[in-house]
Amino acid sequence: MKNIQNAQSKLVNDTCNDCGSFIDVGAIIDEHDTVLELAFSGAEALKRATDVKDKAANRFTEVNYSLTTSGNEVKLALTFSFTAEKMIFQLENGL
């Protein structure tokens, strides 16, 4: 507890283990939420979808994907091994 108090700003006075934690993270993040679905449209839709797919494949070794096209729209579904991988990829790429 002392390390937490020493590490926080002087403007913060959080000395309770439970204070500031209003929700259980497990209630928000589902361990089975591993699919990221993205839609791209326009003339460069397929290229942009392929670029995102390649980024995911380069970052995580076991990513599966599916691409479906309809006119100028491309839908990309990335399936990650773990929810954490999906979240990390979203954060790193602003998705």
PDB file of N, CA and C in Angstrom:
ATOM      1  N   MET A   1       0.818  -1.185   0.000  1.00  0.00           N
ATOM      2  CA  MET A   1       0.000   0.000   0.000  1.00  0.00           C
ATOM      3  C   MET A   1       0.863   1.250   0.000  1.00  0.00           C
ATOM      4  N   LYS A   2       1.951   1.215   0.762  1.00  0.00           N
ATOM      5  CA  LYS A   2       2.832   2.386   0.818  1.00  0.00           C
ATOM      6  C   LYS A   2       3.405   2.723  -0.557  1.00  0.00           C
ATOM      7  N   ASN A   3       3.751   1.684  -1.354  1.00  0.00           N
ATOM      8  CA  ASN A   3       4.283   1.932  -2.692  1.00  0.00           C
ATOM      9  C   ASN A   3       3.260   2.622  -3.573  1.00  0.00           C
ATOM     10  N   ILE A   4       2.006   2.233  -3.443  1.00  0.00           N
ATOM     11  CA  ILE A   4       0.950   2.874  -4.219  1.00  0.00           C
ATOM     12  C   ILE A   4       0.831   4.331  -3.816  1.00  0.00           C
ATOM     13  N   GLN A   5       0.822   4.603  -2.515  1.00  0.00           N
ATOM     14  CA  GLN A   5       0.724   5.976  -2.030  1.00  0.00           C
ATOM     15  C   GLN A   5       1.919   6.809  -2.478  1.00  0.00           C
ATOM     16  N   ASN A   6       3.104   6.242  -2.439  1.00  0.00           N
ATOM     17  CA  ASN A   6       4.305   6.982  -2.838  1.00  0.00           C
ATOM     18  C   ASN A   6       4.346   7.249  -4.333  1.00  0.00           C
ATOM     19  N   ALA A   7       3.761   6.351  -5.123  1.00  0.00           N
ATOM     20  CA  ALA A   7       3.801   6.490  -6.576  1.00  0.00           C
ATOM     21  C   ALA A   7       2.770   7.475  -7.113  1.00  0.00           C
ATOM     22  N   GLN A   8       1.739   7.762  -6.349  1.00  0.00           N
ATOM     23  CA  GLN A   8       0.686   8.638  -6.864  1.00  0.00           C
ATOM     24  C   GLN A   8       1.021  10.105  -6.675  1.00  0.00           C
ATOM     25  N   SER A   9       0.381  10.921  -7.449  1.00  0.00           N
ATOM     26  CA  SER A   9       0.562  12.363  -7.398  1.00  0.00           C
ATOM     27  C   SER A   9       0.138  12.898  -6.032  1.00  0.00           C
ATOM     28  N   LYS A  10       0.696  14.024  -5.636  1.00  0.00           N
ATOM     29  CA  LYS A  10       0.324  14.660  -4.366  1.00  0.00           C
ATOM     30  C   LYS A  10      -1.127  15.145  -4.407  1.00  0.00           C
ATOM     31  N   LEU A  11      -1.672  15.271  -5.610  1.00  0.00           N
ATOM     32  CA  LEU A  11      -3.053  15.711  -5.758  1.00  0.00           C
ATOM     33  C   LEU A  11      -4.047  14.580  -5.521  1.00  0.00           C
ATOM     34  N   VAL A  12      -3.543  13.352  -5.449  1.00  0.00           N
ATOM     35  CA  VAL A  12      -4.402  12.177  -5.262  1.00  0.00           C
ATOM     36  C   VAL A  12      -4.208  11.647  -3.857  1.00  0.00           C
ATOM     37  N   ASN A  13      -5.303  11.279  -3.224  1.00  0.00           N
ATOM     38  CA  ASN A  13      -5.216  10.689  -1.893  1.00  0.00           C
ATOM     39  C   ASN A  13      -6.038   9.411  -1.878  1.00  0.00           C
ATOM     40  N   ASP A  14      -5.569   8.409  -2.571  1.00  0.00           N
ATOM     41  CA  ASP A  14      -6.255   7.124  -2.660  1.00  0.00           C
ATOM     42  C   ASP A  14      -5.519   6.130  -1.778  1.00  0.00           C
ATOM     43  N   THR A  15      -6.012   5.954  -0.554  1.00  0.00           N
ATOM     44  CA  THR A  15      -5.342   5.061   0.391  1.00  0.00           C
ATOM     45  C   THR A  15      -6.135   3.782   0.632  1.00  0.00           C
ATOM     46  N   CYS A  16      -7.219   3.610  -0.087  1.00  0.00           N
ATOM     47  CA  CYS A  16      -8.079   2.443   0.087  1.00  0.00           C
ATOM     48  C   CYS A  16      -7.868   1.478  -1.071  1.00  0.00           C
ATOM     49  N   ASN A  17      -7.754   0.192  -0.778  1.00  0.00           N
ATOM     50  CA  ASN A  17      -7.581  -0.809  -1.828  1.00  0.00           C
ATOM     51  C   ASN A  17      -8.769  -0.862  -2.775  1.00  0.00           C
ATOM     52  N   ASP A  18      -9.966  -0.547  -2.283  1.00  0.00           N
ATOM     53  CA  ASP A  18     -11.173  -0.647  -3.100  1.00  0.00           C
ATOM     54  C   ASP A  18     -11.590   0.677  -3.723  1.00  0.00           C
ATOM     55  N   CYS A  19     -11.112   1.784  -3.198  1.00  0.00           N
ATOM     56  CA  CYS A  19     -11.521   3.099  -3.714  1.00  0.00           C
ATOM     57  C   CYS A  19     -11.053   3.286  -5.151  1.00  0.00           C
ATOM     58  N   GLY A  20     -11.894   3.912  -5.932  1.00  0.00           N
ATOM     59  CA  GLY A  20     -11.541   4.165  -7.318  1.00  0.00           C
ATOM     60  C   GLY A  20     -11.828   2.993  -8.228  1.00  0.00           C
ATOM     61  N   SER A  21     -12.184   1.854  -7.676  1.00  0.00           N
ATOM     62  CA  SER A  21     -12.502   0.677  -8.473  1.00  0.00           C
ATOM     63  C   SER A  21     -13.992   0.417  -8.342  1.00  0.00           C
ATOM     64  N   PHE A  22     -14.756   1.019  -9.272  1.00  0.00           N
ATOM     65  CA  PHE A  22     -16.205   0.956  -9.159  1.00  0.00           C
ATOM     66  C   PHE A  22     -16.811  -0.219  -9.918  1.00  0.00           C
ATOM     67  N   ILE A  23     -16.014  -0.891 -10.722  1.00  0.00           N
ATOM     68  CA  ILE A  23     -16.556  -1.971 -11.542  1.00  0.00           C
ATOM     69  C   ILE A  23     -15.506  -3.061 -11.712  1.00  0.00           C
ATOM     70  N   ASP A  24     -15.940  -4.257 -11.761  1.00  0.00           N
ATOM     71  CA  ASP A  24     -15.046  -5.383 -11.999  1.00  0.00           C
ATOM     72  C   ASP A  24     -14.712  -5.419 -13.487  1.00  0.00           C
ATOM     73  N   VAL A  25     -13.445  -5.362 -13.829  1.00  0.00           N
ATOM     74  CA  VAL A  25     -13.035  -5.347 -15.231  1.00  0.00           C
ATOM     75  C   VAL A  25     -13.563  -6.564 -15.972  1.00  0.00           C
ATOM     76  N   GLY A  26     -13.645  -7.691 -15.314  1.00  0.00           N
ATOM     77  CA  GLY A  26     -14.162  -8.904 -15.931  1.00  0.00           C
ATOM     78  C   GLY A  26     -15.619  -8.785 -16.345  1.00  0.00           C
ATOM     79  N   ALA A  27     -16.327  -7.832 -15.772  1.00  0.00           N
ATOM     80  CA  ALA A  27     -17.723  -7.621 -16.152  1.00  0.00           C
ATOM     81  C   ALA A  27     -17.818  -6.880 -17.484  1.00  0.00           C
ATOM     82  N   ILE A  28     -16.761  -6.197 -17.881  1.00  0.00           N
ATOM     83  CA  ILE A  28     -16.746  -5.429 -19.135  1.00  0.00           C
ATOM     84  C   ILE A  28     -16.075  -6.215 -20.243  1.00  0.00           C
ATOM     85  N   ILE A  29     -14.978  -6.862 -19.922  1.00  0.00           N
ATOM     86  CA  ILE A  29     -14.174  -7.565 -20.915  1.00  0.00           C
ATOM     87  C   ILE A  29     -14.541  -9.045 -20.901  1.00  0.00           C
ATOM     88  N   ASP A  30     -15.083  -9.509 -21.992  1.00  0.00           N
ATOM     89  CA  ASP A  30     -15.464 -10.916 -22.106  1.00  0.00           C
ATOM     90  C   ASP A  30     -14.284 -11.699 -22.669  1.00  0.00           C
ATOM     91  N   GLU A  31     -13.892 -12.756 -21.993  1.00  0.00           N
ATOM     92  CA  GLU A  31     -12.731 -13.535 -22.422  1.00  0.00           C
ATOM     93  C   GLU A  31     -12.925 -14.185 -23.790  1.00  0.00           C
ATOM     94  N   HIS A  32     -14.166 -14.271 -24.255  1.00  0.00           N
ATOM     95  CA  HIS A  32     -14.451 -14.891 -25.549  1.00  0.00           C
ATOM     96  C   HIS A  32     -14.629 -13.866 -26.663  1.00  0.00           C
ATOM     97  N   ASP A  33     -14.406 -12.590 -26.356  1.00  0.00           N
ATOM     98  CA  ASP A  33     -14.547 -11.523 -27.345  1.00  0.00           C
ATOM     99  C   ASP A  33     -13.241 -11.392 -28.122  1.00  0.00           C
ATOM    100  N   THR A  34     -13.051 -12.282 -29.088  1.00  0.00           N
ATOM    101  CA  THR A  34     -11.783 -12.337 -29.810  1.00  0.00           C
ATOM    102  C   THR A  34     -11.896 -11.915 -31.268  1.00  0.00           C
ATOM    103  N   VAL A  35     -13.097 -11.563 -31.730  1.00  0.00           N
ATOM    104  CA  VAL A  35     -13.300 -11.224 -33.144  1.00  0.00           C
ATOM    105  C   VAL A  35     -13.438  -9.714 -33.295  1.00  0.00           C
ATOM    106  N   LEU A  36     -12.614  -9.157 -34.152  1.00  0.00           N
ATOM    107  CA  LEU A  36     -12.677  -7.738 -34.494  1.00  0.00           C
ATOM    108  C   LEU A  36     -13.209  -7.636 -35.912  1.00  0.00           C
ATOM    109  N   GLU A  37     -14.344  -6.960 -36.073  1.00  0.00           N
ATOM    110  CA  GLU A  37     -14.950  -6.801 -37.389  1.00  0.00           C
ATOM    111  C   GLU A  37     -14.816  -5.352 -37.826  1.00  0.00           C
ATOM    112  N   LEU A  38     -14.280  -5.162 -39.016  1.00  0.00           N
ATOM    113  CA  LEU A  38     -14.070  -3.832 -39.572  1.00  0.00           C
ATOM    114  C   LEU A  38     -14.668  -3.762 -40.968  1.00  0.00           C
ATOM    115  N   ALA A  39     -15.195  -2.592 -41.334  1.00  0.00           N
ATOM    116  CA  ALA A  39     -15.749  -2.382 -42.668  1.00  0.00           C
ATOM    117  C   ALA A  39     -14.993  -1.242 -43.336  1.00  0.00           C
ATOM    118  N   PHE A  40     -14.653  -1.431 -44.581  1.00  0.00           N
ATOM    119  CA  PHE A  40     -13.945  -0.441 -45.378  1.00  0.00           C
ATOM    120  C   PHE A  40     -14.761  -0.173 -46.630  1.00  0.00           C
ATOM    121  N   SER A  41     -14.752   1.071 -47.086  1.00  0.00           N
ATOM    122  CA  SER A  41     -15.485   1.368 -48.319  1.00  0.00           C
ATOM    123  C   SER A  41     -14.666   2.321 -49.174  1.00  0.00           C
ATOM    124  N   GLY A  42     -15.016   2.350 -50.442  1.00  0.00           N
ATOM    125  CA  GLY A  42     -14.310   3.215 -51.372  1.00  0.00           C
ATOM    126  C   GLY A  42     -13.375   2.445 -52.274  1.00  0.00           C
ATOM    127  N   ALA A  43     -12.705   3.183 -53.144  1.00  0.00           N
ATOM    128  CA  ALA A  43     -11.834   2.572 -54.152  1.00  0.00           C
ATOM    129  C   ALA A  43     -10.650   1.824 -53.534  1.00  0.00           C
ATOM    130  N   GLU A  44     -10.169   2.274 -52.391  1.00  0.00           N
ATOM    131  CA  GLU A  44      -8.999   1.662 -51.740  1.00  0.00           C
ATOM    132  C   GLU A  44      -9.384   0.708 -50.615  1.00  0.00           C
ATOM    133  N   ALA A  45     -10.635   0.297 -50.554  1.00  0.00           N
ATOM    134  CA  ALA A  45     -11.123  -0.526 -49.445  1.00  0.00           C
ATOM    135  C   ALA A  45     -10.354  -1.834 -49.305  1.00  0.00           C
ATOM    136  N   LEU A  46     -10.147  -2.534 -50.389  1.00  0.00           N
ATOM    137  CA  LEU A  46      -9.459  -3.821 -50.325  1.00  0.00           C
ATOM    138  C   LEU A  46      -8.011  -3.650 -49.876  1.00  0.00           C
ATOM    139  N   LYS A  47      -7.351  -2.624 -50.351  1.00  0.00           N
ATOM    140  CA  LYS A  47      -5.963  -2.372 -49.955  1.00  0.00           C
ATOM    141  C   LYS A  47      -5.878  -2.041 -48.463  1.00  0.00           C
ATOM    142  N   ARG A  48      -6.785  -1.193 -47.977  1.00  0.00           N
ATOM    143  CA  ARG A  48      -6.764  -0.824 -46.554  1.00  0.00           C
ATOM    144  C   ARG A  48      -7.065  -2.035 -45.675  1.00  0.00           C
ATOM    145  N   ALA A  49      -8.030  -2.846 -46.083  1.00  0.00           N
ATOM    146  CA  ALA A  49      -8.364  -4.052 -45.314  1.00  0.00           C
ATOM    147  C   ALA A  49      -7.183  -5.017 -45.289  1.00  0.00           C
ATOM    148  N   THR A  50      -6.530  -5.172 -46.418  1.00  0.00           N
ATOM    149  CA  THR A  50      -5.364  -6.056 -46.497  1.00  0.00           C
ATOM    150  C   THR A  50      -4.222  -5.524 -45.641  1.00  0.00           C
ATOM    151  N   ASP A  51      -4.038  -4.210 -45.613  1.00  0.00           N
ATOM    152  CA  ASP A  51      -2.999  -3.613 -44.767  1.00  0.00           C
ATOM    153  C   ASP A  51      -3.258  -3.904 -43.287  1.00  0.00           C
ATOM    154  N   VAL A  52      -4.506  -3.756 -42.854  1.00  0.00           N
ATOM    155  CA  VAL A  52      -4.851  -4.029 -41.454  1.00  0.00           C
ATOM    156  C   VAL A  52      -4.651  -5.511 -41.143  1.00  0.00           C
ATOM    157  N   LYS A  53      -5.068  -6.371 -42.066  1.00  0.00           N
ATOM    158  CA  LYS A  53      -4.889  -7.813 -41.887  1.00  0.00           C
ATOM    159  C   LYS A  53      -3.412  -8.156 -41.749  1.00  0.00           C
ATOM    160  N   ASP A  54      -2.575  -7.553 -42.592  1.00  0.00           N
ATOM    161  CA  ASP A  54      -1.133  -7.800 -42.534  1.00  0.00           C
ATOM    162  C   ASP A  54      -0.524  -7.314 -41.222  1.00  0.00           C
ATOM    163  N   LYS A  55      -0.966  -6.162 -40.739  1.00  0.00           N
ATOM    164  CA  LYS A  55      -0.475  -5.652 -39.452  1.00  0.00           C
ATOM    165  C   LYS A  55      -0.796  -6.638 -38.336  1.00  0.00           C
ATOM    166  N   ALA A  56      -2.017  -7.148 -38.343  1.00  0.00           N
ATOM    167  CA  ALA A  56      -2.425  -8.102 -37.304  1.00  0.00           C
ATOM    168  C   ALA A  56      -1.609  -9.383 -37.395  1.00  0.00           C
ATOM    169  N   ALA A  57      -1.413  -9.889 -38.612  1.00  0.00           N
ATOM    170  CA  ALA A  57      -0.657 -11.123 -38.806  1.00  0.00           C
ATOM    171  C   ALA A  57       0.808 -10.957 -38.417  1.00  0.00           C
ATOM    172  N   ASN A  58       1.364  -9.776 -38.640  1.00  0.00           N
ATOM    173  CA  ASN A  58       2.753  -9.516 -38.264  1.00  0.00           C
ATOM    174  C   ASN A  58       2.909  -9.347 -36.759  1.00  0.00           C
ATOM    175  N   ARG A  59       1.872  -8.859 -36.099  1.00  0.00           N
ATOM    176  CA  ARG A  59       1.940  -8.589 -34.664  1.00  0.00           C
ATOM    177  C   ARG A  59       1.647  -9.840 -33.837  1.00  0.00           C
ATOM    178  N   PHE A  60       0.672 -10.641 -34.291  1.00  0.00           N
ATOM    179  CA  PHE A  60       0.249 -11.831 -33.546  1.00  0.00           C
ATOM    180  C   PHE A  60       0.290 -13.039 -34.479  1.00  0.00           C
ATOM    181  N   THR A  61       0.921 -14.102 -34.030  1.00  0.00           N
ATOM    182  CA  THR A  61       1.186 -15.241 -34.915  1.00  0.00           C
ATOM    183  C   THR A  61      -0.046 -16.060 -35.281  1.00  0.00           C
ATOM    184  N   GLU A  62      -1.036 -16.124 -34.420  1.00  0.00           N
ATOM    185  CA  GLU A  62      -2.172 -17.005 -34.680  1.00  0.00           C
ATOM    186  C   GLU A  62      -3.465 -16.244 -34.953  1.00  0.00           C
ATOM    187  N   VAL A  63      -3.406 -15.236 -35.790  1.00  0.00           N
ATOM    188  CA  VAL A  63      -4.605 -14.477 -36.156  1.00  0.00           C
ATOM    189  C   VAL A  63      -5.210 -15.097 -37.410  1.00  0.00           C
ATOM    190  N   ASN A  64      -6.505 -15.368 -37.352  1.00  0.00           N
ATOM    191  CA  ASN A  64      -7.237 -15.835 -38.528  1.00  0.00           C
ATOM    192  C   ASN A  64      -8.048 -14.665 -39.065  1.00  0.00           C
ATOM    193  N   TYR A  65      -8.335 -14.691 -40.350  1.00  0.00           N
ATOM    194  CA  TYR A  65      -9.081 -13.579 -40.925  1.00  0.00           C
ATOM    195  C   TYR A  65     -10.001 -14.074 -42.029  1.00  0.00           C
ATOM    196  N   SER A  66     -10.989 -13.247 -42.307  1.00  0.00           N
ATOM    197  CA  SER A  66     -11.834 -13.474 -43.479  1.00  0.00           C
ATOM    198  C   SER A  66     -12.158 -12.116 -44.087  1.00  0.00           C
ATOM    199  N   LEU A  67     -12.107 -12.086 -45.413  1.00  0.00           N
ATOM    200  CA  LEU A  67     -12.428 -10.878 -46.171  1.00  0.00           C
ATOM    201  C   LEU A  67     -13.651 -11.169 -47.035  1.00  0.00           C
ATOM    202  N   THR A  68     -14.630 -10.295 -46.987  1.00  0.00           N
ATOM    203  CA  THR A  68     -15.779 -10.417 -47.882  1.00  0.00           C
ATOM    204  C   THR A  68     -15.973  -9.075 -48.577  1.00  0.00           C
ATOM    205  N   THR A  69     -16.198  -9.142 -49.871  1.00  0.00           N
ATOM    206  CA  THR A  69     -16.383  -7.925 -50.647  1.00  0.00           C
ATOM    207  C   THR A  69     -17.785  -7.881 -51.239  1.00  0.00           C
ATOM    208  N   SER A  70     -18.293  -6.667 -51.314  1.00  0.00           N
ATOM    209  CA  SER A  70     -19.594  -6.429 -51.913  1.00  0.00           C
ATOM    210  C   SER A  70     -19.552  -5.030 -52.521  1.00  0.00           C
ATOM    211  N   GLY A  71     -19.367  -4.978 -53.837  1.00  0.00           N
ATOM    212  CA  GLY A  71     -19.233  -3.677 -54.493  1.00  0.00           C
ATOM    213  C   GLY A  71     -17.964  -2.977 -54.043  1.00  0.00           C
ATOM    214  N   ASN A  72     -18.109  -1.768 -53.522  1.00  0.00           N
ATOM    215  CA  ASN A  72     -16.967  -0.997 -53.021  1.00  0.00           C
ATOM    216  C   ASN A  72     -16.757  -1.185 -51.524  1.00  0.00           C
ATOM    217  N   GLU A  73     -17.453  -2.135 -50.915  1.00  0.00           N
ATOM    218  CA  GLU A  73     -17.319  -2.357 -49.479  1.00  0.00           C
ATOM    219  C   GLU A  73     -16.600  -3.678 -49.214  1.00  0.00           C
ATOM    220  N   VAL A  74     -15.675  -3.626 -48.269  1.00  0.00           N
ATOM    221  CA  VAL A  74     -14.929  -4.817 -47.854  1.00  0.00           C
ATOM    222  C   VAL A  74     -15.097  -4.965 -46.349  1.00  0.00           C
ATOM    223  N   LYS A  75     -15.462  -6.163 -45.924  1.00  0.00           N
ATOM    224  CA  LYS A  75     -15.565  -6.448 -44.503  1.00  0.00           C
ATOM    225  C   LYS A  75     -14.433  -7.391 -44.116  1.00  0.00           C
ATOM    226  N   LEU A  76     -13.739  -7.024 -43.062  1.00  0.00           N
ATOM    227  CA  LEU A  76     -12.619  -7.805 -42.547  1.00  0.00           C
ATOM    228  C   LEU A  76     -12.978  -8.281 -41.150  1.00  0.00           C
ATOM    229  N   ALA A  77     -12.834  -9.563 -40.915  1.00  0.00           N
ATOM    230  CA  ALA A  77     -13.021 -10.130 -39.581  1.00  0.00           C
ATOM    231  C   ALA A  77     -11.700 -10.765 -39.158  1.00  0.00           C
ATOM    232  N   LEU A  78     -11.145 -10.267 -38.071  1.00  0.00           N
ATOM    233  CA  LEU A  78      -9.907 -10.796 -37.507  1.00  0.00           C
ATOM    234  C   LEU A  78     -10.255 -11.571 -36.245  1.00  0.00           C
ATOM    235  N   THR A  79      -9.800 -12.802 -36.162  1.00  0.00           N
ATOM    236  CA  THR A  79     -10.042 -13.608 -34.971  1.00  0.00           C
ATOM    237  C   THR A  79      -8.713 -13.831 -34.264  1.00  0.00           C
ATOM    238  N   PHE A  80      -8.608 -13.287 -33.066  1.00  0.00           N
ATOM    239  CA  PHE A  80      -7.394 -13.376 -32.272  1.00  0.00           C
ATOM    240  C   PHE A  80      -7.489 -14.571 -31.324  1.00  0.00           C
ATOM    241  N   SER A  81      -6.366 -15.026 -30.825  1.00  0.00           N
ATOM    242  CA  SER A  81      -6.347 -16.153 -29.888  1.00  0.00           C
ATOM    243  C   SER A  81      -6.913 -15.760 -28.530  1.00  0.00           C
ATOM    244  N   PHE A  82      -6.695 -14.502 -28.139  1.00  0.00           N
ATOM    245  CA  PHE A  82      -7.111 -14.028 -26.816  1.00  0.00           C
ATOM    246  C   PHE A  82      -7.717 -12.631 -26.936  1.00  0.00           C
ATOM    247  N   THR A  83      -8.623 -12.321 -26.040  1.00  0.00           N
ATOM    248  CA  THR A  83      -9.233 -11.001 -25.996  1.00  0.00           C
ATOM    249  C   THR A  83      -8.168  -9.922 -25.823  1.00  0.00           C
ATOM    250  N   ALA A  84      -7.163 -10.200 -25.019  1.00  0.00           N
ATOM    251  CA  ALA A  84      -6.104  -9.214 -24.782  1.00  0.00           C
ATOM    252  C   ALA A  84      -5.391  -8.853 -26.077  1.00  0.00           C
ATOM    253  N   GLU A  85      -5.165  -9.830 -26.955  1.00  0.00           N
ATOM    254  CA  GLU A  85      -4.525  -9.540 -28.240  1.00  0.00           C
ATOM    255  C   GLU A  85      -5.393  -8.607 -29.065  1.00  0.00           C
ATOM    256  N   LYS A  86      -6.680  -8.862 -29.076  1.00  0.00           N
ATOM    257  CA  LYS A  86      -7.604  -7.994 -29.817  1.00  0.00           C
ATOM    258  C   LYS A  86      -7.537  -6.567 -29.276  1.00  0.00           C
ATOM    259  N   MET A  87      -7.579  -6.439 -27.964  1.00  0.00           N
ATOM    260  CA  MET A  87      -7.552  -5.111 -27.344  1.00  0.00           C
ATOM    261  C   MET A  87      -6.238  -4.396 -27.610  1.00  0.00           C
ATOM    262  N   ILE A  88      -5.139  -5.103 -27.514  1.00  0.00           N
ATOM    263  CA  ILE A  88      -3.822  -4.511 -27.776  1.00  0.00           C
ATOM    264  C   ILE A  88      -3.757  -4.024 -29.215  1.00  0.00           C
ATOM    265  N   PHE A  89      -4.222  -4.840 -30.145  1.00  0.00           N
ATOM    266  CA  PHE A  89      -4.209  -4.461 -31.562  1.00  0.00           C
ATOM    267  C   PHE A  89      -5.074  -3.225 -31.799  1.00  0.00           C
ATOM    268  N   GLN A  90      -6.236  -3.172 -31.186  1.00  0.00           N
ATOM    269  CA  GLN A  90      -7.106  -2.000 -31.334  1.00  0.00           C
ATOM    270  C   GLN A  90      -6.436  -0.751 -30.793  1.00  0.00           C
ATOM    271  N   LEU A  91      -5.830  -0.858 -29.623  1.00  0.00           N
ATOM    272  CA  LEU A  91      -5.168   0.299 -29.031  1.00  0.00           C
ATOM    273  C   LEU A  91      -3.975   0.762 -29.849  1.00  0.00           C
ATOM    274  N   GLU A  92      -3.167  -0.190 -30.296  1.00  0.00           N
ATOM    275  CA  GLU A  92      -1.975   0.167 -31.078  1.00  0.00           C
ATOM    276  C   GLU A  92      -2.317   0.832 -32.405  1.00  0.00           C
ATOM    277  N   ASN A  93      -3.490   0.496 -32.953  1.00  0.00           N
ATOM    278  CA  ASN A  93      -3.846   0.985 -34.284  1.00  0.00           C
ATOM    279  C   ASN A  93      -5.002   1.980 -34.278  1.00  0.00           C
ATOM    280  N   GLY A  94      -5.414   2.420 -33.106  1.00  0.00           N
ATOM    281  CA  GLY A  94      -6.474   3.411 -32.997  1.00  0.00           C
ATOM    282  C   GLY A  94      -7.798   2.949 -33.572  1.00  0.00           C
ATOM    283  N   LEU A  95      -8.135   1.692 -33.358  1.00  0.00           N
ATOM    284  CA  LEU A  95      -9.392   1.145 -33.897  1.00  0.00           C
ATOM    285  C   LEU A  95     -10.472   1.075 -32.834  1.00  0.00           C
TER     286      LEU A  95
END
